[in-house]
Amino acid sequence: MRPNIFENDRVYDDSDIELDVIAPRTKRAQWRHRRVGPNFLRFGRRIKYHGADLNVWVDQVLVVNENSTA
């Protein structure tokens, strides 16, 4: 089992630098508008991501190479 990239119990703000691992802030805004990308919470104008949802999304977009030994 792979370690999680994000802390499962943490709630990340859209401005948190850690989220730039998956995409720049502007790209995440485009994804939210198109309803793609990781699940998110909206509190008025504030956007939050739950760490567990981010880890689930990362697992869903994982590309496994056939020749991978991991």
PDB file of N, CA and C in Angstrom:
ATOM      1  N   MET A   1       0.844  -1.192   0.000  1.00  0.00           N
ATOM      2  CA  MET A   1       0.000   0.000   0.000  1.00  0.00           C
ATOM      3  C   MET A   1       0.885   1.249   0.000  1.00  0.00           C
ATOM      4  N   ARG A   2       0.520   2.195  -0.821  1.00  0.00           N
ATOM      5  CA  ARG A   2       1.270   3.451  -0.915  1.00  0.00           C
ATOM      6  C   ARG A   2       0.900   4.387   0.235  1.00  0.00           C
ATOM      7  N   PRO A   3       1.858   5.175   0.689  1.00  0.00           N
ATOM      8  CA  PRO A   3       1.515   6.194   1.697  1.00  0.00           C
ATOM      9  C   PRO A   3       0.672   7.294   1.060  1.00  0.00           C
ATOM     10  N   ASN A   4      -0.167   7.912   1.864  1.00  0.00           N
ATOM     11  CA  ASN A   4      -1.005   9.009   1.377  1.00  0.00           C
ATOM     12  C   ASN A   4      -0.162  10.252   1.131  1.00  0.00           C
ATOM     13  N   ILE A   5      -0.523  10.984   0.102  1.00  0.00           N
ATOM     14  CA  ILE A   5       0.155  12.246  -0.195  1.00  0.00           C
ATOM     15  C   ILE A   5      -0.328  13.327   0.764  1.00  0.00           C
ATOM     16  N   PHE A   6      -1.633  13.311   1.054  1.00  0.00           N
ATOM     17  CA  PHE A   6      -2.244  14.324   1.914  1.00  0.00           C
ATOM     18  C   PHE A   6      -2.672  13.691   3.235  1.00  0.00           C
ATOM     19  N   GLU A   7      -2.702  14.495   4.290  1.00  0.00           N
ATOM     20  CA  GLU A   7      -3.158  14.025   5.600  1.00  0.00           C
ATOM     21  C   GLU A   7      -4.668  13.820   5.543  1.00  0.00           C
ATOM     22  N   ASN A   8      -5.128  12.608   5.853  1.00  0.00           N
ATOM     23  CA  ASN A   8      -6.551  12.282   5.736  1.00  0.00           C
ATOM     24  C   ASN A   8      -7.449  13.153   6.603  1.00  0.00           C
ATOM     25  N   ASP A   9      -7.002  13.512   7.795  1.00  0.00           N
ATOM     26  CA  ASP A   9      -7.847  14.248   8.737  1.00  0.00           C
ATOM     27  C   ASP A   9      -7.765  15.762   8.591  1.00  0.00           C
ATOM     28  N   ARG A  10      -6.960  16.237   7.683  1.00  0.00           N
ATOM     29  CA  ARG A  10      -6.774  17.682   7.528  1.00  0.00           C
ATOM     30  C   ARG A  10      -7.724  18.238   6.469  1.00  0.00           C
ATOM     31  N   VAL A  11      -8.172  19.463   6.702  1.00  0.00           N
ATOM     32  CA  VAL A  11      -8.957  20.192   5.703  1.00  0.00           C
ATOM     33  C   VAL A  11      -8.036  21.247   5.101  1.00  0.00           C
ATOM     34  N   TYR A  12      -7.838  21.174   3.794  1.00  0.00           N
ATOM     35  CA  TYR A  12      -6.929  22.068   3.078  1.00  0.00           C
ATOM     36  C   TYR A  12      -7.706  23.224   2.475  1.00  0.00           C
ATOM     37  N   ASP A  13      -7.166  24.420   2.611  1.00  0.00           N
ATOM     38  CA  ASP A  13      -7.726  25.600   1.964  1.00  0.00           C
ATOM     39  C   ASP A  13      -7.187  25.655   0.539  1.00  0.00           C
ATOM     40  N   ASP A  14      -7.970  26.208  -0.384  1.00  0.00           N
ATOM     41  CA  ASP A  14      -7.543  26.280  -1.777  1.00  0.00           C
ATOM     42  C   ASP A  14      -6.237  27.046  -1.943  1.00  0.00           C
ATOM     43  N   SER A  15      -5.912  27.917  -1.007  1.00  0.00           N
ATOM     44  CA  SER A  15      -4.672  28.691  -1.105  1.00  0.00           C
ATOM     45  C   SER A  15      -3.458  27.953  -0.527  1.00  0.00           C
ATOM     46  N   ASP A  16      -3.659  26.769   0.071  1.00  0.00           N
ATOM     47  CA  ASP A  16      -2.537  26.015   0.643  1.00  0.00           C
ATOM     48  C   ASP A  16      -1.587  25.555  -0.458  1.00  0.00           C
ATOM     49  N   ILE A  17      -0.323  25.787  -0.240  1.00  0.00           N
ATOM     50  CA  ILE A  17       0.709  25.473  -1.232  1.00  0.00           C
ATOM     51  C   ILE A  17       0.791  23.974  -1.516  1.00  0.00           C
ATOM     52  N   GLU A  18       0.402  23.140  -0.564  1.00  0.00           N
ATOM     53  CA  GLU A  18       0.463  21.691  -0.756  1.00  0.00           C
ATOM     54  C   GLU A  18      -0.394  21.232  -1.930  1.00  0.00           C
ATOM     55  N   LEU A  19      -1.460  21.960  -2.213  1.00  0.00           N
ATOM     56  CA  LEU A  19      -2.356  21.572  -3.304  1.00  0.00           C
ATOM     57  C   LEU A  19      -1.741  21.793  -4.676  1.00  0.00           C
ATOM     58  N   ASP A  20      -0.682  22.577  -4.746  1.00  0.00           N
ATOM     59  CA  ASP A  20      -0.012  22.786  -6.030  1.00  0.00           C
ATOM     60  C   ASP A  20       0.646  21.511  -6.538  1.00  0.00           C
ATOM     61  N   VAL A  21       0.731  20.482  -5.694  1.00  0.00           N
ATOM     62  CA  VAL A  21       1.252  19.187  -6.134  1.00  0.00           C
ATOM     63  C   VAL A  21       0.335  18.596  -7.207  1.00  0.00           C
ATOM     64  N   ILE A  22      -0.971  18.781  -7.066  1.00  0.00           N
ATOM     65  CA  ILE A  22      -1.897  18.190  -8.036  1.00  0.00           C
ATOM     66  C   ILE A  22      -2.171  19.116  -9.212  1.00  0.00           C
ATOM     67  N   ALA A  23      -2.197  20.417  -8.986  1.00  0.00           N
ATOM     68  CA  ALA A  23      -2.442  21.373 -10.076  1.00  0.00           C
ATOM     69  C   ALA A  23      -2.337  22.790  -9.524  1.00  0.00           C
ATOM     70  N   PRO A  24      -2.009  23.757 -10.390  1.00  0.00           N
ATOM     71  CA  PRO A  24      -2.008  25.156  -9.948  1.00  0.00           C
ATOM     72  C   PRO A  24      -3.419  25.599  -9.539  1.00  0.00           C
ATOM     73  N   ARG A  25      -3.476  26.640  -8.763  1.00  0.00           N
ATOM     74  CA  ARG A  25      -4.761  27.136  -8.248  1.00  0.00           C
ATOM     75  C   ARG A  25      -5.741  27.478  -9.371  1.00  0.00           C
ATOM     76  N   THR A  26      -5.256  28.082 -10.450  1.00  0.00           N
ATOM     77  CA  THR A  26      -6.147  28.447 -11.563  1.00  0.00           C
ATOM     78  C   THR A  26      -6.724  27.208 -12.238  1.00  0.00           C
ATOM     79  N   LYS A  27      -5.931  26.153 -12.354  1.00  0.00           N
ATOM     80  CA  LYS A  27      -6.414  24.905 -12.958  1.00  0.00           C
ATOM     81  C   LYS A  27      -7.465  24.259 -12.070  1.00  0.00           C
ATOM     82  N   ARG A  28      -7.264  24.300 -10.750  1.00  0.00           N
ATOM     83  CA  ARG A  28      -8.266  23.744  -9.836  1.00  0.00           C
ATOM     84  C   ARG A  28      -9.576  24.506  -9.947  1.00  0.00           C
ATOM     85  N   ALA A  29      -9.509  25.822 -10.157  1.00  0.00           N
ATOM     86  CA  ALA A  29     -10.723  26.624 -10.343  1.00  0.00           C
ATOM     87  C   ALA A  29     -11.448  26.193 -11.617  1.00  0.00           C
ATOM     88  N   GLN A  30     -10.699  25.926 -12.672  1.00  0.00           N
ATOM     89  CA  GLN A  30     -11.309  25.444 -13.917  1.00  0.00           C
ATOM     90  C   GLN A  30     -11.963  24.085 -13.700  1.00  0.00           C
ATOM     91  N   TRP A  31     -11.280  23.209 -12.977  1.00  0.00           N
ATOM     92  CA  TRP A  31     -11.847  21.894 -12.691  1.00  0.00           C
ATOM     93  C   TRP A  31     -13.150  22.017 -11.910  1.00  0.00           C
ATOM     94  N   ARG A  32     -13.180  22.895 -10.908  1.00  0.00           N
ATOM     95  CA  ARG A  32     -14.408  23.055 -10.122  1.00  0.00           C
ATOM     96  C   ARG A  32     -15.542  23.547 -11.010  1.00  0.00           C
ATOM     97  N   HIS A  33     -15.245  24.474 -11.895  1.00  0.00           N
ATOM     98  CA  HIS A  33     -16.260  25.012 -12.805  1.00  0.00           C
ATOM     99  C   HIS A  33     -16.803  23.909 -13.723  1.00  0.00           C
ATOM    100  N   ARG A  34     -15.926  23.019 -14.177  1.00  0.00           N
ATOM    101  CA  ARG A  34     -16.318  21.935 -15.075  1.00  0.00           C
ATOM    102  C   ARG A  34     -16.788  20.692 -14.324  1.00  0.00           C
ATOM    103  N   ARG A  35     -16.752  20.742 -12.994  1.00  0.00           N
ATOM    104  CA  ARG A  35     -17.154  19.622 -12.133  1.00  0.00           C
ATOM    105  C   ARG A  35     -16.291  18.382 -12.351  1.00  0.00           C
ATOM    106  N   VAL A  36     -14.980  18.602 -12.490  1.00  0.00           N
ATOM    107  CA  VAL A  36     -14.011  17.509 -12.549  1.00  0.00           C
ATOM    108  C   VAL A  36     -12.981  17.755 -11.455  1.00  0.00           C
ATOM    109  N   GLY A  37     -12.072  16.817 -11.257  1.00  0.00           N
ATOM    110  CA  GLY A  37     -11.069  16.985 -10.213  1.00  0.00           C
ATOM    111  C   GLY A  37     -11.571  16.468  -8.882  1.00  0.00           C
ATOM    112  N   PRO A  38     -10.825  16.723  -7.816  1.00  0.00           N
ATOM    113  CA  PRO A  38     -11.198  16.194  -6.502  1.00  0.00           C
ATOM    114  C   PRO A  38     -12.451  16.873  -5.940  1.00  0.00           C
ATOM    115  N   ASN A  39     -13.160  16.136  -5.076  1.00  0.00           N
ATOM    116  CA  ASN A  39     -14.316  16.710  -4.386  1.00  0.00           C
ATOM    117  C   ASN A  39     -13.865  17.893  -3.546  1.00  0.00           C
ATOM    118  N   PHE A  40     -14.763  18.861  -3.372  1.00  0.00           N
ATOM    119  CA  PHE A  40     -14.420  20.050  -2.595  1.00  0.00           C
ATOM    120  C   PHE A  40     -15.627  20.524  -1.810  1.00  0.00           C
ATOM    121  N   LEU A  41     -15.356  21.371  -0.833  1.00  0.00           N
ATOM    122  CA  LEU A  41     -16.393  22.001  -0.016  1.00  0.00           C
ATOM    123  C   LEU A  41     -16.409  23.481  -0.344  1.00  0.00           C
ATOM    124  N   ARG A  42     -17.586  24.056  -0.438  1.00  0.00           N
ATOM    125  CA  ARG A  42     -17.698  25.490  -0.694  1.00  0.00           C
ATOM    126  C   ARG A  42     -18.440  26.127   0.484  1.00  0.00           C
ATOM    127  N   PHE A  43     -17.782  27.083   1.108  1.00  0.00           N
ATOM    128  CA  PHE A  43     -18.375  27.869   2.187  1.00  0.00           C
ATOM    129  C   PHE A  43     -18.405  29.311   1.712  1.00  0.00           C
ATOM    130  N   GLY A  44     -19.488  29.709   1.069  1.00  0.00           N
ATOM    131  CA  GLY A  44     -19.532  31.029   0.453  1.00  0.00           C
ATOM    132  C   GLY A  44     -18.513  31.074  -0.667  1.00  0.00           C
ATOM    133  N   ARG A  45     -17.524  31.954  -0.545  1.00  0.00           N
ATOM    134  CA  ARG A  45     -16.453  32.038  -1.540  1.00  0.00           C
ATOM    135  C   ARG A  45     -15.256  31.160  -1.201  1.00  0.00           C
ATOM    136  N   ARG A  46     -15.247  30.620  -0.005  1.00  0.00           N
ATOM    137  CA  ARG A  46     -14.093  29.828   0.441  1.00  0.00           C
ATOM    138  C   ARG A  46     -14.203  28.391  -0.065  1.00  0.00           C
ATOM    139  N   ILE A  47     -13.089  27.881  -0.575  1.00  0.00           N
ATOM    140  CA  ILE A  47     -13.018  26.523  -1.101  1.00  0.00           C
ATOM    141  C   ILE A  47     -12.105  25.707  -0.195  1.00  0.00           C
ATOM    142  N   LYS A  48     -12.580  24.540   0.205  1.00  0.00           N
ATOM    143  CA  LYS A  48     -11.815  23.644   1.070  1.00  0.00           C
ATOM    144  C   LYS A  48     -11.800  22.247   0.454  1.00  0.00           C
ATOM    145  N   TYR A  49     -10.735  21.522   0.742  1.00  0.00           N
ATOM    146  CA  TYR A  49     -10.601  20.136   0.306  1.00  0.00           C
ATOM    147  C   TYR A  49     -10.295  19.277   1.524  1.00  0.00           C
ATOM    148  N   HIS A  50     -11.006  18.177   1.683  1.00  0.00           N
ATOM    149  CA  HIS A  50     -10.713  17.243   2.766  1.00  0.00           C
ATOM    150  C   HIS A  50      -9.587  16.329   2.293  1.00  0.00           C
ATOM    151  N   GLY A  51      -8.597  16.118   3.135  1.00  0.00           N
ATOM    152  CA  GLY A  51      -7.427  15.326   2.764  1.00  0.00           C
ATOM    153  C   GLY A  51      -7.772  13.929   2.274  1.00  0.00           C
ATOM    154  N   ALA A  52      -8.757  13.284   2.907  1.00  0.00           N
ATOM    155  CA  ALA A  52      -9.148  11.938   2.482  1.00  0.00           C
ATOM    156  C   ALA A  52      -9.695  11.959   1.058  1.00  0.00           C
ATOM    157  N   ASP A  53     -10.473  12.992   0.710  1.00  0.00           N
ATOM    158  CA  ASP A  53     -10.997  13.114  -0.657  1.00  0.00           C
ATOM    159  C   ASP A  53      -9.869  13.326  -1.661  1.00  0.00           C
ATOM    160  N   LEU A  54      -8.865  14.098  -1.284  1.00  0.00           N
ATOM    161  CA  LEU A  54      -7.720  14.314  -2.169  1.00  0.00           C
ATOM    162  C   LEU A  54      -6.971  13.010  -2.419  1.00  0.00           C
ATOM    163  N   ASN A  55      -6.784  12.210  -1.373  1.00  0.00           N
ATOM    164  CA  ASN A  55      -6.084  10.935  -1.535  1.00  0.00           C
ATOM    165  C   ASN A  55      -6.874   9.958  -2.400  1.00  0.00           C
ATOM    166  N   VAL A  56      -8.195   9.949  -2.257  1.00  0.00           N
ATOM    167  CA  VAL A  56      -9.041   9.103  -3.109  1.00  0.00           C
ATOM    168  C   VAL A  56      -8.894   9.529  -4.561  1.00  0.00           C
ATOM    169  N   TRP A  57      -8.929  10.829  -4.812  1.00  0.00           N
ATOM    170  CA  TRP A  57      -8.808  11.334  -6.179  1.00  0.00           C
ATOM    171  C   TRP A  57      -7.444  10.991  -6.773  1.00  0.00           C
ATOM    172  N   VAL A  58      -6.386  11.133  -5.985  1.00  0.00           N
ATOM    173  CA  VAL A  58      -5.042  10.790  -6.465  1.00  0.00           C
ATOM    174  C   VAL A  58      -4.993   9.310  -6.862  1.00  0.00           C
ATOM    175  N   ASP A  59      -5.604   8.443  -6.064  1.00  0.00           N
ATOM    176  CA  ASP A  59      -5.636   7.016  -6.401  1.00  0.00           C
ATOM    177  C   ASP A  59      -6.421   6.760  -7.690  1.00  0.00           C
ATOM    178  N   GLN A  60      -7.475   7.539  -7.932  1.00  0.00           N
ATOM    179  CA  GLN A  60      -8.294   7.355  -9.133  1.00  0.00           C
ATOM    180  C   GLN A  60      -7.561   7.763 -10.405  1.00  0.00           C
ATOM    181  N   VAL A  61      -6.687   8.743 -10.324  1.00  0.00           N
ATOM    182  CA  VAL A  61      -5.990   9.221 -11.523  1.00  0.00           C
ATOM    183  C   VAL A  61      -4.605   8.584 -11.685  1.00  0.00           C
ATOM    184  N   LEU A  62      -4.266   7.675 -10.798  1.00  0.00           N
ATOM    185  CA  LEU A  62      -2.977   6.998 -10.866  1.00  0.00           C
ATOM    186  C   LEU A  62      -2.879   6.188 -12.155  1.00  0.00           C
ATOM    187  N   VAL A  63      -1.792   6.359 -12.864  1.00  0.00           N
ATOM    188  CA  VAL A  63      -1.518   5.579 -14.069  1.00  0.00           C
ATOM    189  C   VAL A  63      -0.457   4.548 -13.707  1.00  0.00           C
ATOM    190  N   VAL A  64      -0.794   3.277 -13.885  1.00  0.00           N
ATOM    191  CA  VAL A  64       0.124   2.198 -13.538  1.00  0.00           C
ATOM    192  C   VAL A  64       0.812   1.716 -14.806  1.00  0.00           C
ATOM    193  N   ASN A  65       2.115   1.753 -14.798  1.00  0.00           N
ATOM    194  CA  ASN A  65       2.916   1.277 -15.914  1.00  0.00           C
ATOM    195  C   ASN A  65       2.990  -0.244 -15.855  1.00  0.00           C
ATOM    196  N   GLU A  66       2.782  -0.911 -16.972  1.00  0.00           N
ATOM    197  CA  GLU A  66       2.831  -2.376 -16.996  1.00  0.00           C
ATOM    198  C   GLU A  66       4.184  -2.914 -16.560  1.00  0.00           C
ATOM    199  N   ASN A  67       5.244  -2.179 -16.835  1.00  0.00           N
ATOM    200  CA  ASN A  67       6.592  -2.633 -16.509  1.00  0.00           C
ATOM    201  C   ASN A  67       7.030  -2.224 -15.113  1.00  0.00           C
ATOM    202  N   SER A  68       6.129  -1.611 -14.354  1.00  0.00           N
ATOM    203  CA  SER A  68       6.469  -1.140 -13.017  1.00  0.00           C
ATOM    204  C   SER A  68       6.724  -2.322 -12.088  1.00  0.00           C
ATOM    205  N   THR A  69       7.741  -2.188 -11.248  1.00  0.00           N
ATOM    206  CA  THR A  69       8.051  -3.245 -10.289  1.00  0.00           C
ATOM    207  C   THR A  69       7.463  -2.962  -8.918  1.00  0.00           C
ATOM    208  N   ALA A  70       6.840  -1.795  -8.744  1.00  0.00           N
ATOM    209  CA  ALA A  70       6.294  -1.421  -7.435  1.00  0.00           C
ATOM    210  C   ALA A  70       4.967  -2.075  -7.176  1.00  0.00           C
TER     211      ALA A  70
END
